[in-house]
Amino acid sequence: MKRMIAAGSDYPLLKMLLPQLAKARSTLQRIEIQQTMLRAGVSVMQNGPVQVGFFRDPASGTAFTYVPTPAGFQLRSALWYQGSPLTMDFARRGP
């Protein structure tokens, strides 16, 4: 990527597009992680916390971190976004 940025100085259009491409890549990565987190969370709700181990965090290739909460549980990714890990909260099912 750094080599492309350096080349961008010779190509004004490339220099203008590179930051937008990096932003789009980051957004797509977050969406992929959130989709996987949602599938993992639904599986955990249906079959228990052991299920989290069957889903891989696209950011790291390892399982999401499972954190029990008073309301249910939270899944955490290895990807940090805006100063904190990307997370998704799931509420415990009602009676």
C-alpha atoms as a PDB file:
ATOM      1  CA  MET A   1       0.000   0.000   0.000  1.00  0.00           C
ATOM      2  CA  LYS A   2       2.855   2.403   0.801  1.00  0.00           C
ATOM      3  CA  ARG A   3       4.341   1.736  -2.620  1.00  0.00           C
ATOM      4  CA  MET A   4       0.990   2.618  -4.194  1.00  0.00           C
ATOM      5  CA  ILE A   5       0.834   5.856  -2.216  1.00  0.00           C
ATOM      6  CA  ALA A   6       4.342   6.745  -3.355  1.00  0.00           C
ATOM      7  CA  ALA A   7       3.298   6.012  -6.942  1.00  0.00           C
ATOM      8  CA  GLY A   8       0.272   8.230  -6.393  1.00  0.00           C
ATOM      9  CA  SER A   9       2.474  11.307  -6.420  1.00  0.00           C
ATOM     10  CA  ASP A  10       3.095  10.624 -10.111  1.00  0.00           C
ATOM     11  CA  TYR A  11      -0.594   9.960 -10.775  1.00  0.00           C
ATOM     12  CA  PRO A  12      -2.946  12.614  -9.357  1.00  0.00           C
ATOM     13  CA  LEU A  13      -6.082  10.524  -9.906  1.00  0.00           C
ATOM     14  CA  LEU A  14      -4.529   7.587  -8.051  1.00  0.00           C
ATOM     15  CA  LYS A  15      -3.478   9.910  -5.247  1.00  0.00           C
ATOM     16  CA  MET A  16      -7.068  11.111  -4.955  1.00  0.00           C
ATOM     17  CA  LEU A  17      -8.603   7.602  -5.005  1.00  0.00           C
ATOM     18  CA  LEU A  18      -6.267   5.725  -2.636  1.00  0.00           C
ATOM     19  CA  PRO A  19      -7.658   7.150   0.620  1.00  0.00           C
ATOM     20  CA  GLN A  20     -11.198   6.295  -0.505  1.00  0.00           C
ATOM     21  CA  LEU A  21     -10.172   2.757  -1.426  1.00  0.00           C
ATOM     22  CA  ALA A  22      -8.571   2.278   1.985  1.00  0.00           C
ATOM     23  CA  LYS A  23     -11.752   3.555   3.664  1.00  0.00           C
ATOM     24  CA  ALA A  24     -13.925   1.225   1.561  1.00  0.00           C
ATOM     25  CA  ARG A  25     -11.697  -1.756   2.417  1.00  0.00           C
ATOM     26  CA  SER A  26     -11.976  -0.950   6.111  1.00  0.00           C
ATOM     27  CA  THR A  27     -15.760  -0.691   5.878  1.00  0.00           C
ATOM     28  CA  LEU A  28     -16.036  -4.010   4.022  1.00  0.00           C
ATOM     29  CA  GLN A  29     -13.837  -5.694   6.639  1.00  0.00           C
ATOM     30  CA  ARG A  30     -16.098  -4.443   9.454  1.00  0.00           C
ATOM     31  CA  ILE A  31     -19.206  -5.644   7.607  1.00  0.00           C
ATOM     32  CA  GLU A  32     -17.695  -9.104   7.114  1.00  0.00           C
ATOM     33  CA  ILE A  33     -16.815  -9.299  10.818  1.00  0.00           C
ATOM     34  CA  GLN A  34     -20.276  -8.127  11.875  1.00  0.00           C
ATOM     35  CA  GLN A  35     -21.983 -10.709   9.639  1.00  0.00           C
ATOM     36  CA  THR A  36     -19.857 -13.496  11.104  1.00  0.00           C
ATOM     37  CA  MET A  37     -20.456 -12.173  14.622  1.00  0.00           C
ATOM     38  CA  LEU A  38     -24.209 -12.197  14.048  1.00  0.00           C
ATOM     39  CA  ARG A  39     -24.137 -15.815  12.850  1.00  0.00           C
ATOM     40  CA  ALA A  40     -21.981 -16.787  15.842  1.00  0.00           C
ATOM     41  CA  GLY A  41     -24.242 -14.937  18.280  1.00  0.00           C
ATOM     42  CA  VAL A  42     -27.402 -16.612  17.001  1.00  0.00           C
ATOM     43  CA  SER A  43     -25.699 -19.997  17.244  1.00  0.00           C
ATOM     44  CA  VAL A  44     -24.586 -19.260  20.809  1.00  0.00           C
ATOM     45  CA  MET A  45     -28.131 -18.214  21.745  1.00  0.00           C
ATOM     46  CA  GLN A  46     -29.546 -21.437  20.319  1.00  0.00           C
ATOM     47  CA  ASN A  47     -26.878 -23.930  21.411  1.00  0.00           C
ATOM     48  CA  GLY A  48     -24.751 -22.389  24.168  1.00  0.00           C
ATOM     49  CA  PRO A  49     -21.389 -20.616  24.515  1.00  0.00           C
ATOM     50  CA  VAL A  50     -19.342 -23.539  23.206  1.00  0.00           C
ATOM     51  CA  GLN A  51     -20.602 -22.602  19.726  1.00  0.00           C
ATOM     52  CA  VAL A  52     -18.467 -19.465  19.605  1.00  0.00           C
ATOM     53  CA  GLY A  53     -15.435 -21.663  18.942  1.00  0.00           C
ATOM     54  CA  PHE A  54     -16.888 -22.795  15.611  1.00  0.00           C
ATOM     55  CA  PHE A  55     -16.794 -19.278  14.148  1.00  0.00           C
ATOM     56  CA  ARG A  56     -13.571 -17.525  13.144  1.00  0.00           C
ATOM     57  CA  ASP A  57     -13.033 -13.800  13.472  1.00  0.00           C
ATOM     58  CA  PRO A  58     -12.073 -12.668   9.948  1.00  0.00           C
ATOM     59  CA  ALA A  59      -9.687 -10.118  11.498  1.00  0.00           C
ATOM     60  CA  SER A  60      -7.551 -12.688  13.307  1.00  0.00           C
ATOM     61  CA  GLY A  61      -8.542 -16.182  12.211  1.00  0.00           C
ATOM     62  CA  THR A  62      -9.268 -17.094  15.830  1.00  0.00           C
ATOM     63  CA  ALA A  63     -12.567 -17.419  17.688  1.00  0.00           C
ATOM     64  CA  PHE A  64     -14.357 -14.284  18.838  1.00  0.00           C
ATOM     65  CA  THR A  65     -14.005 -13.436  22.510  1.00  0.00           C
ATOM     66  CA  TYR A  66     -17.145 -14.391  24.445  1.00  0.00           C
ATOM     67  CA  VAL A  67     -17.969 -12.100  27.377  1.00  0.00           C
ATOM     68  CA  PRO A  68     -20.991 -12.860  29.603  1.00  0.00           C
ATOM     69  CA  THR A  69     -22.976  -9.747  30.561  1.00  0.00           C
ATOM     70  CA  PRO A  70     -25.898  -9.229  32.971  1.00  0.00           C
ATOM     71  CA  ALA A  71     -28.256  -8.929  29.993  1.00  0.00           C
ATOM     72  CA  GLY A  72     -26.799 -11.781  27.933  1.00  0.00           C
ATOM     73  CA  PHE A  73     -23.381 -11.810  26.291  1.00  0.00           C
ATOM     74  CA  GLN A  74     -21.044  -9.843  24.067  1.00  0.00           C
ATOM     75  CA  LEU A  75     -18.805 -11.028  21.244  1.00  0.00           C
ATOM     76  CA  ARG A  76     -15.559  -9.144  20.634  1.00  0.00           C
ATOM     77  CA  SER A  77     -13.400  -9.060  17.548  1.00  0.00           C
ATOM     78  CA  ALA A  78      -9.645  -8.629  17.404  1.00  0.00           C
ATOM     79  CA  LEU A  79     -10.272  -5.636  15.111  1.00  0.00           C
ATOM     80  CA  TRP A  80     -10.102  -2.268  16.819  1.00  0.00           C
ATOM     81  CA  TYR A  81     -12.302   0.487  15.414  1.00  0.00           C
ATOM     82  CA  GLN A  82     -12.385   4.054  16.704  1.00  0.00           C
ATOM     83  CA  GLY A  83     -10.335   3.214  19.772  1.00  0.00           C
ATOM     84  CA  SER A  84     -12.085   0.056  20.951  1.00  0.00           C
ATOM     85  CA  PRO A  85     -12.604  -3.521  19.800  1.00  0.00           C
ATOM     86  CA  LEU A  86     -15.487  -4.181  17.436  1.00  0.00           C
ATOM     87  CA  THR A  87     -18.252  -5.772  19.529  1.00  0.00           C
ATOM     88  CA  MET A  88     -21.803  -7.042  19.265  1.00  0.00           C
ATOM     89  CA  ASP A  89     -24.165  -7.452  22.215  1.00  0.00           C
ATOM     90  CA  PHE A  90     -26.817 -10.149  22.488  1.00  0.00           C
ATOM     91  CA  ALA A  91     -29.681 -10.106  24.985  1.00  0.00           C
ATOM     92  CA  ARG A  92     -30.797 -13.194  26.863  1.00  0.00           C
ATOM     93  CA  ARG A  93     -34.024 -14.620  25.532  1.00  0.00           C
ATOM     94  CA  GLY A  94     -37.143 -13.960  27.571  1.00  0.00           C
ATOM     95  CA  PRO A  95     -39.361 -16.617  29.172  1.00  0.00           C
END
